[in-house]
Amino acid sequence: MVFSYLFAEPEEGNIRFMKSPSGAGIGKPAWDFQYILPNFEAGKEYSLKWRVIYKKWRGEKDIEKEYRRWIKTSK
């Protein structure tokens, strides 16, 4: 099985991915992301477009295909 987060390029800011070696306890790394807005404006609305996939693993090319298909329809 594969569990995957797909992110569209944000209109503003950046997405940063990180891993904490013991974030969920010893031997249990935690994966996370941050939405970085260097020029944040109070009161302004910001958003991210993302999708989660959980399905049978069929290889990297299958996930790439899912991303390309999703990104075309999310605009």
N, C-alpha and C. Protein backbone atom coordinates (compact mmCIF):
# COMPACT_ATOMS: atom_id res chain seq x y z
N MET A 1 0.84 -1.17 0.00
CA MET A 1 0.00 0.00 0.00
C MET A 1 0.89 1.24 0.00
N VAL A 2 0.33 2.34 -0.48
CA VAL A 2 1.05 3.62 -0.47
C VAL A 2 0.11 4.68 0.11
N PHE A 3 0.69 5.54 0.94
CA PHE A 3 -0.01 6.70 1.49
C PHE A 3 0.78 7.90 1.04
N SER A 4 0.16 8.79 0.28
CA SER A 4 0.91 9.88 -0.34
C SER A 4 0.13 11.19 -0.24
N TYR A 5 0.86 12.26 0.07
CA TYR A 5 0.31 13.61 0.02
C TYR A 5 0.74 14.23 -1.30
N LEU A 6 -0.20 14.81 -2.03
CA LEU A 6 0.11 15.54 -3.25
C LEU A 6 -0.20 17.01 -3.00
N PHE A 7 0.74 17.89 -3.33
CA PHE A 7 0.56 19.32 -3.13
C PHE A 7 0.65 20.04 -4.47
N ALA A 8 -0.26 20.99 -4.69
CA ALA A 8 -0.14 21.89 -5.84
C ALA A 8 0.79 23.02 -5.43
N GLU A 9 1.49 23.60 -6.38
CA GLU A 9 2.36 24.74 -6.10
C GLU A 9 1.50 25.88 -5.55
N PRO A 10 1.83 26.40 -4.34
CA PRO A 10 1.00 27.48 -3.79
C PRO A 10 1.15 28.77 -4.58
N GLU A 11 0.09 29.56 -4.61
CA GLU A 11 0.14 30.86 -5.30
C GLU A 11 1.11 31.80 -4.61
N GLU A 12 1.19 31.68 -3.30
CA GLU A 12 2.12 32.51 -2.52
C GLU A 12 2.82 31.61 -1.51
N GLY A 13 4.04 31.97 -1.16
CA GLY A 13 4.77 31.23 -0.15
C GLY A 13 5.36 29.94 -0.67
N ASN A 14 5.84 29.13 0.27
CA ASN A 14 6.50 27.86 -0.05
C ASN A 14 6.02 26.77 0.90
N ILE A 15 6.15 25.53 0.45
CA ILE A 15 5.89 24.38 1.29
C ILE A 15 7.24 23.77 1.65
N ARG A 16 7.46 23.53 2.92
CA ARG A 16 8.71 22.94 3.40
C ARG A 16 8.39 21.59 4.03
N PHE A 17 9.12 20.56 3.63
CA PHE A 17 8.94 19.22 4.18
C PHE A 17 10.06 18.92 5.16
N MET A 18 9.75 18.17 6.22
CA MET A 18 10.75 17.84 7.22
C MET A 18 10.46 16.51 7.87
N LYS A 19 11.49 15.99 8.51
CA LYS A 19 11.38 14.72 9.24
C LYS A 19 12.05 14.89 10.59
N SER A 20 11.35 14.49 11.63
CA SER A 20 11.94 14.47 12.96
C SER A 20 12.25 13.01 13.29
N PRO A 21 13.53 12.69 13.58
CA PRO A 21 13.90 11.29 13.79
C PRO A 21 13.14 10.59 14.92
N SER A 22 12.71 11.34 15.93
CA SER A 22 11.99 10.71 17.04
C SER A 22 10.70 11.47 17.37
N GLY A 23 10.11 12.10 16.39
CA GLY A 23 8.92 12.92 16.61
C GLY A 23 7.74 12.16 17.18
N ALA A 24 7.61 10.88 16.86
CA ALA A 24 6.50 10.07 17.37
C ALA A 24 6.98 9.06 18.40
N GLY A 25 8.19 9.25 18.92
CA GLY A 25 8.78 8.33 19.89
C GLY A 25 10.03 7.70 19.33
N ILE A 26 10.80 7.08 20.17
CA ILE A 26 12.07 6.48 19.76
C ILE A 26 11.83 5.45 18.66
N GLY A 27 12.56 5.60 17.55
CA GLY A 27 12.43 4.69 16.42
C GLY A 27 11.19 4.92 15.57
N LYS A 28 10.47 6.01 15.83
CA LYS A 28 9.25 6.31 15.08
C LYS A 28 9.36 7.73 14.52
N PRO A 29 9.95 7.88 13.36
CA PRO A 29 10.10 9.23 12.80
C PRO A 29 8.76 9.87 12.46
N ALA A 30 8.73 11.18 12.54
CA ALA A 30 7.52 11.93 12.19
C ALA A 30 7.82 12.76 10.94
N TRP A 31 6.95 12.68 9.95
CA TRP A 31 7.05 13.47 8.73
C TRP A 31 6.03 14.58 8.81
N ASP A 32 6.42 15.77 8.38
CA ASP A 32 5.51 16.90 8.49
C ASP A 32 5.81 17.91 7.39
N PHE A 33 4.98 18.94 7.28
CA PHE A 33 5.23 20.02 6.34
C PHE A 33 4.82 21.34 6.98
N GLN A 34 5.40 22.42 6.48
CA GLN A 34 5.05 23.77 6.92
C GLN A 34 4.71 24.59 5.68
N TYR A 35 3.76 25.49 5.85
CA TYR A 35 3.41 26.45 4.80
C TYR A 35 4.08 27.76 5.21
N ILE A 36 5.11 28.15 4.50
CA ILE A 36 5.92 29.33 4.83
C ILE A 36 5.43 30.53 4.03
N LEU A 37 5.08 31.60 4.73
CA LEU A 37 4.64 32.86 4.10
C LEU A 37 5.56 33.98 4.58
N PRO A 38 6.65 34.24 3.86
CA PRO A 38 7.62 35.24 4.31
C PRO A 38 7.05 36.65 4.45
N ASN A 39 6.11 37.02 3.60
CA ASN A 39 5.53 38.36 3.63
C ASN A 39 4.06 38.30 4.05
N PHE A 40 3.81 37.62 5.15
CA PHE A 40 2.46 37.41 5.65
C PHE A 40 1.74 38.74 5.92
N GLU A 41 0.48 38.82 5.47
CA GLU A 41 -0.34 40.00 5.73
C GLU A 41 -1.51 39.60 6.62
N ALA A 42 -1.63 40.25 7.78
CA ALA A 42 -2.74 39.96 8.70
C ALA A 42 -4.07 40.25 8.00
N GLY A 43 -5.03 39.35 8.17
CA GLY A 43 -6.36 39.53 7.60
C GLY A 43 -6.51 39.00 6.18
N LYS A 44 -5.41 38.67 5.53
CA LYS A 44 -5.48 38.14 4.16
C LYS A 44 -5.68 36.63 4.22
N GLU A 45 -6.48 36.10 3.30
CA GLU A 45 -6.74 34.66 3.25
C GLU A 45 -5.70 33.96 2.39
N TYR A 46 -5.16 32.87 2.91
CA TYR A 46 -4.18 32.05 2.19
C TYR A 46 -4.72 30.61 2.15
N SER A 47 -4.31 29.86 1.14
CA SER A 47 -4.78 28.48 1.07
C SER A 47 -3.77 27.58 0.36
N LEU A 48 -3.93 26.29 0.60
CA LEU A 48 -3.14 25.26 -0.07
C LEU A 48 -4.10 24.30 -0.75
N LYS A 49 -3.69 23.77 -1.89
CA LYS A 49 -4.45 22.70 -2.54
C LYS A 49 -3.62 21.43 -2.37
N TRP A 50 -4.25 20.40 -1.81
CA TRP A 50 -3.55 19.14 -1.65
C TRP A 50 -4.52 17.98 -1.67
N ARG A 51 -3.96 16.83 -1.90
CA ARG A 51 -4.76 15.60 -2.02
C ARG A 51 -4.01 14.49 -1.30
N VAL A 52 -4.76 13.58 -0.72
CA VAL A 52 -4.17 12.41 -0.06
C VAL A 52 -4.58 11.18 -0.86
N ILE A 53 -3.61 10.30 -1.07
CA ILE A 53 -3.88 9.04 -1.78
C ILE A 53 -3.51 7.88 -0.86
N TYR A 54 -4.38 6.91 -0.78
CA TYR A 54 -4.08 5.64 -0.11
C TYR A 54 -4.58 4.56 -1.06
N LYS A 55 -3.67 3.78 -1.59
CA LYS A 55 -4.05 2.77 -2.57
C LYS A 55 -2.97 1.69 -2.66
N LYS A 56 -3.24 0.70 -3.43
CA LYS A 56 -2.27 -0.37 -3.64
C LYS A 56 -1.05 0.19 -4.37
N TRP A 57 0.14 -0.16 -3.90
CA TRP A 57 1.39 0.31 -4.49
C TRP A 57 1.59 -0.34 -5.86
N ARG A 58 1.75 0.52 -6.87
CA ARG A 58 2.00 0.04 -8.23
C ARG A 58 3.25 0.70 -8.80
N GLY A 59 4.02 1.37 -7.96
CA GLY A 59 5.27 1.97 -8.39
C GLY A 59 5.21 3.50 -8.48
N GLU A 60 6.41 4.09 -8.56
CA GLU A 60 6.54 5.55 -8.63
C GLU A 60 5.79 6.15 -9.81
N LYS A 61 5.88 5.50 -10.95
CA LYS A 61 5.22 6.04 -12.16
C LYS A 61 3.72 6.17 -11.96
N ASP A 62 3.13 5.26 -11.21
CA ASP A 62 1.69 5.32 -10.94
C ASP A 62 1.36 6.56 -10.12
N ILE A 63 2.17 6.87 -9.10
CA ILE A 63 1.93 8.06 -8.28
C ILE A 63 2.14 9.33 -9.11
N GLU A 64 3.17 9.33 -9.95
CA GLU A 64 3.41 10.48 -10.84
C GLU A 64 2.20 10.70 -11.76
N LYS A 65 1.65 9.61 -12.27
CA LYS A 65 0.47 9.69 -13.14
C LYS A 65 -0.73 10.25 -12.37
N GLU A 66 -0.91 9.79 -11.12
CA GLU A 66 -1.99 10.31 -10.27
C GLU A 66 -1.82 11.82 -10.07
N TYR A 67 -0.58 12.26 -9.83
CA TYR A 67 -0.32 13.68 -9.61
C TYR A 67 -0.64 14.50 -10.86
N ARG A 68 -0.14 14.05 -12.01
CA ARG A 68 -0.39 14.79 -13.26
C ARG A 68 -1.88 14.90 -13.55
N ARG A 69 -2.61 13.81 -13.34
CA ARG A 69 -4.05 13.82 -13.58
C ARG A 69 -4.75 14.77 -12.61
N TRP A 70 -4.38 14.72 -11.33
CA TRP A 70 -5.01 15.56 -10.33
C TRP A 70 -4.69 17.05 -10.58
N ILE A 71 -3.43 17.38 -10.87
CA ILE A 71 -3.03 18.77 -11.01
C ILE A 71 -3.75 19.43 -12.21
N LYS A 72 -4.04 18.66 -13.24
CA LYS A 72 -4.78 19.19 -14.40
C LYS A 72 -6.21 19.59 -14.02
N THR A 73 -6.82 18.80 -13.13
CA THR A 73 -8.21 19.05 -12.77
C THR A 73 -8.38 19.98 -11.58
N SER A 74 -7.29 20.30 -10.87
CA SER A 74 -7.41 21.13 -9.67
C SER A 74 -7.26 22.62 -9.96
N LYS A 75 -6.98 23.00 -11.18
CA LYS A 75 -6.78 24.41 -11.50
C LYS A 75 -8.08 25.12 -11.80
